[in-house]
Amino acid sequence: MKKLAPIFFLLLLVAVHVVLADIDFDKDLTADEKQKFDEILSPVMKIYEFIKYAATVAGVLMLVFSGISFVTSGGDTGKKERAKNMAVGVVIGLIVIWVAPLVVKYIFV
């Protein structure tokens, strides 16, 4: 299977160019097309918002847990290091979750 991975990758690159070659991205959407697009995008955005807020709540709980682990670790440097790494990972994850829509809007709008 590992030998076929480069072939699949090259086929994917070719397929993307073939599919996108026929699309005119500079053409403006009509009002009807915009309405259909918003109709399709609305449930997707609701799901995304739910996942974003659920992940934020989980992240805050993990941040509290890592803080408690850090405080109760005593003199054990291994536990302190694990708690610190967990907190850093949670903060990075929350930043990615909240900044990703801004990056997409900046790139595509």
C-alpha atoms as a PDB file:
ATOM      1  CA  MET A   1       0.000   0.000   0.000  1.00  0.00           C
ATOM      2  CA  LYS A   2       2.897   2.373   0.749  1.00  0.00           C
ATOM      3  CA  LYS A   3       4.128   1.976  -2.824  1.00  0.00           C
ATOM      4  CA  LEU A   4       0.792   3.149  -4.201  1.00  0.00           C
ATOM      5  CA  ALA A   5       0.574   6.302  -2.072  1.00  0.00           C
ATOM      6  CA  PRO A   6       2.685   8.486  -4.437  1.00  0.00           C
ATOM      7  CA  ILE A   7       0.603   7.310  -7.399  1.00  0.00           C
ATOM      8  CA  PHE A   8      -2.658   8.216  -5.603  1.00  0.00           C
ATOM      9  CA  PHE A   9      -1.179  11.598  -4.684  1.00  0.00           C
ATOM     10  CA  LEU A  10      -0.241  12.338  -8.306  1.00  0.00           C
ATOM     11  CA  LEU A  11      -3.672  11.246  -9.523  1.00  0.00           C
ATOM     12  CA  LEU A  12      -5.277  13.518  -6.951  1.00  0.00           C
ATOM     13  CA  LEU A  13      -3.191  16.466  -8.146  1.00  0.00           C
ATOM     14  CA  VAL A  14      -4.187  15.809 -11.751  1.00  0.00           C
ATOM     15  CA  ALA A  15      -7.860  15.316 -10.847  1.00  0.00           C
ATOM     16  CA  VAL A  16      -8.028  18.611  -8.962  1.00  0.00           C
ATOM     17  CA  HIS A  17      -6.679  20.530 -11.948  1.00  0.00           C
ATOM     18  CA  VAL A  18      -9.063  18.817 -14.352  1.00  0.00           C
ATOM     19  CA  VAL A  19     -12.082  19.556 -12.153  1.00  0.00           C
ATOM     20  CA  LEU A  20     -11.136  23.155 -11.445  1.00  0.00           C
ATOM     21  CA  ALA A  21     -10.175  23.934 -15.040  1.00  0.00           C
ATOM     22  CA  ASP A  22     -13.803  24.298 -16.108  1.00  0.00           C
ATOM     23  CA  ILE A  23     -14.935  26.499 -13.202  1.00  0.00           C
ATOM     24  CA  ASP A  24     -14.988  30.278 -13.596  1.00  0.00           C
ATOM     25  CA  PHE A  25     -14.364  31.728 -10.139  1.00  0.00           C
ATOM     26  CA  ASP A  26     -14.587  35.353 -11.286  1.00  0.00           C
ATOM     27  CA  LYS A  27     -18.273  35.113 -12.211  1.00  0.00           C
ATOM     28  CA  ASP A  28     -20.621  36.624  -9.621  1.00  0.00           C
ATOM     29  CA  LEU A  29     -23.454  34.548  -8.210  1.00  0.00           C
ATOM     30  CA  THR A  30     -27.032  35.424  -8.983  1.00  0.00           C
ATOM     31  CA  ALA A  31     -29.449  36.158  -6.144  1.00  0.00           C
ATOM     32  CA  ASP A  32     -31.044  32.721  -6.561  1.00  0.00           C
ATOM     33  CA  GLU A  33     -27.639  31.000  -6.424  1.00  0.00           C
ATOM     34  CA  LYS A  34     -26.678  32.965  -3.311  1.00  0.00           C
ATOM     35  CA  GLN A  35     -29.937  31.963  -1.642  1.00  0.00           C
ATOM     36  CA  LYS A  36     -29.345  28.277  -2.457  1.00  0.00           C
ATOM     37  CA  PHE A  37     -25.767  28.524  -1.230  1.00  0.00           C
ATOM     38  CA  ASP A  38     -26.871  30.120   2.054  1.00  0.00           C
ATOM     39  CA  GLU A  39     -29.580  27.467   2.399  1.00  0.00           C
ATOM     40  CA  ILE A  40     -26.976  24.707   2.079  1.00  0.00           C
ATOM     41  CA  LEU A  41     -24.413  26.462   4.253  1.00  0.00           C
ATOM     42  CA  SER A  42     -26.768  27.284   7.140  1.00  0.00           C
ATOM     43  CA  PRO A  43     -26.926  23.777   8.708  1.00  0.00           C
ATOM     44  CA  VAL A  44     -23.198  23.303   8.171  1.00  0.00           C
ATOM     45  CA  MET A  45     -22.450  26.514  10.047  1.00  0.00           C
ATOM     46  CA  LYS A  46     -24.790  25.505  12.884  1.00  0.00           C
ATOM     47  CA  ILE A  47     -22.922  22.219  13.257  1.00  0.00           C
ATOM     48  CA  TYR A  48     -19.580  24.028  13.118  1.00  0.00           C
ATOM     49  CA  GLU A  49     -20.643  26.539  15.772  1.00  0.00           C
ATOM     50  CA  PHE A  50     -21.883  23.724  18.035  1.00  0.00           C
ATOM     51  CA  ILE A  51     -18.603  21.839  17.668  1.00  0.00           C
ATOM     52  CA  LYS A  52     -16.593  25.026  18.244  1.00  0.00           C
ATOM     53  CA  TYR A  53     -18.407  25.866  21.480  1.00  0.00           C
ATOM     54  CA  ALA A  54     -18.395  22.245  22.697  1.00  0.00           C
ATOM     55  CA  ALA A  55     -14.644  22.060  22.050  1.00  0.00           C
ATOM     56  CA  THR A  56     -14.183  25.351  23.894  1.00  0.00           C
ATOM     57  CA  VAL A  57     -16.050  24.028  26.934  1.00  0.00           C
ATOM     58  CA  ALA A  58     -14.000  20.816  26.833  1.00  0.00           C
ATOM     59  CA  GLY A  59     -10.821  22.859  26.455  1.00  0.00           C
ATOM     60  CA  VAL A  60     -11.625  25.031  29.458  1.00  0.00           C
ATOM     61  CA  LEU A  61     -12.362  21.927  31.540  1.00  0.00           C
ATOM     62  CA  MET A  62      -9.049  20.390  30.442  1.00  0.00           C
ATOM     63  CA  LEU A  63      -7.291  23.641  31.297  1.00  0.00           C
ATOM     64  CA  VAL A  64      -8.807  23.552  34.801  1.00  0.00           C
ATOM     65  CA  PHE A  65      -7.803  19.898  35.136  1.00  0.00           C
ATOM     66  CA  SER A  66      -4.227  20.633  34.084  1.00  0.00           C
ATOM     67  CA  GLY A  67      -4.085  23.527  36.541  1.00  0.00           C
ATOM     68  CA  ILE A  68      -5.267  21.296  39.374  1.00  0.00           C
ATOM     69  CA  SER A  69      -2.763  18.627  38.313  1.00  0.00           C
ATOM     70  CA  PHE A  70       0.006  21.222  38.296  1.00  0.00           C
ATOM     71  CA  VAL A  71      -0.874  22.516  41.765  1.00  0.00           C
ATOM     72  CA  THR A  72      -1.275  19.056  43.324  1.00  0.00           C
ATOM     73  CA  SER A  73       1.871  17.588  41.732  1.00  0.00           C
ATOM     74  CA  GLY A  74       3.992  18.478  44.755  1.00  0.00           C
ATOM     75  CA  GLY A  75       7.671  18.048  43.966  1.00  0.00           C
ATOM     76  CA  ASP A  76       7.198  15.582  41.103  1.00  0.00           C
ATOM     77  CA  THR A  77       8.669  17.312  38.045  1.00  0.00           C
ATOM     78  CA  GLY A  78       7.189  14.710  35.681  1.00  0.00           C
ATOM     79  CA  LYS A  79       3.635  15.526  36.750  1.00  0.00           C
ATOM     80  CA  LYS A  80       4.333  19.249  36.533  1.00  0.00           C
ATOM     81  CA  GLU A  81       5.741  18.863  33.038  1.00  0.00           C
ATOM     82  CA  ARG A  82       2.730  16.788  31.898  1.00  0.00           C
ATOM     83  CA  ALA A  83       0.303  19.353  33.306  1.00  0.00           C
ATOM     84  CA  LYS A  84       2.201  22.188  31.655  1.00  0.00           C
ATOM     85  CA  ASN A  85       2.292  20.390  28.297  1.00  0.00           C
ATOM     86  CA  MET A  86      -1.436  19.673  28.570  1.00  0.00           C
ATOM     87  CA  ALA A  87      -2.186  23.340  29.240  1.00  0.00           C
ATOM     88  CA  VAL A  88      -0.042  24.465  26.312  1.00  0.00           C
ATOM     89  CA  GLY A  89      -1.760  21.956  24.014  1.00  0.00           C
ATOM     90  CA  VAL A  90      -5.198  23.102  25.111  1.00  0.00           C
ATOM     91  CA  VAL A  91      -4.367  26.767  24.585  1.00  0.00           C
ATOM     92  CA  ILE A  92      -2.934  26.066  21.119  1.00  0.00           C
ATOM     93  CA  GLY A  93      -6.019  24.013  20.246  1.00  0.00           C
ATOM     94  CA  LEU A  94      -8.372  26.779  21.371  1.00  0.00           C
ATOM     95  CA  ILE A  95      -6.429  29.345  19.371  1.00  0.00           C
ATOM     96  CA  VAL A  96      -6.658  27.162  16.258  1.00  0.00           C
ATOM     97  CA  ILE A  97     -10.392  26.605  16.746  1.00  0.00           C
ATOM     98  CA  TRP A  98     -11.158  30.306  17.118  1.00  0.00           C
ATOM     99  CA  VAL A  99      -8.711  31.707  14.531  1.00  0.00           C
ATOM    100  CA  ALA A 100      -9.457  29.231  11.712  1.00  0.00           C
ATOM    101  CA  PRO A 101     -12.657  31.005  10.526  1.00  0.00           C
ATOM    102  CA  LEU A 102     -10.832  34.325  10.445  1.00  0.00           C
ATOM    103  CA  VAL A 103      -8.053  32.827   8.312  1.00  0.00           C
ATOM    104  CA  VAL A 104     -10.594  31.315   5.918  1.00  0.00           C
ATOM    105  CA  LYS A 105     -12.445  34.636   5.609  1.00  0.00           C
ATOM    106  CA  TYR A 106      -9.160  36.480   5.028  1.00  0.00           C
ATOM    107  CA  ILE A 107      -8.051  34.060   2.310  1.00  0.00           C
ATOM    108  CA  PHE A 108     -11.335  33.540   0.467  1.00  0.00           C
ATOM    109  CA  VAL A 109     -13.123  36.868   0.836  1.00  0.00           C
END
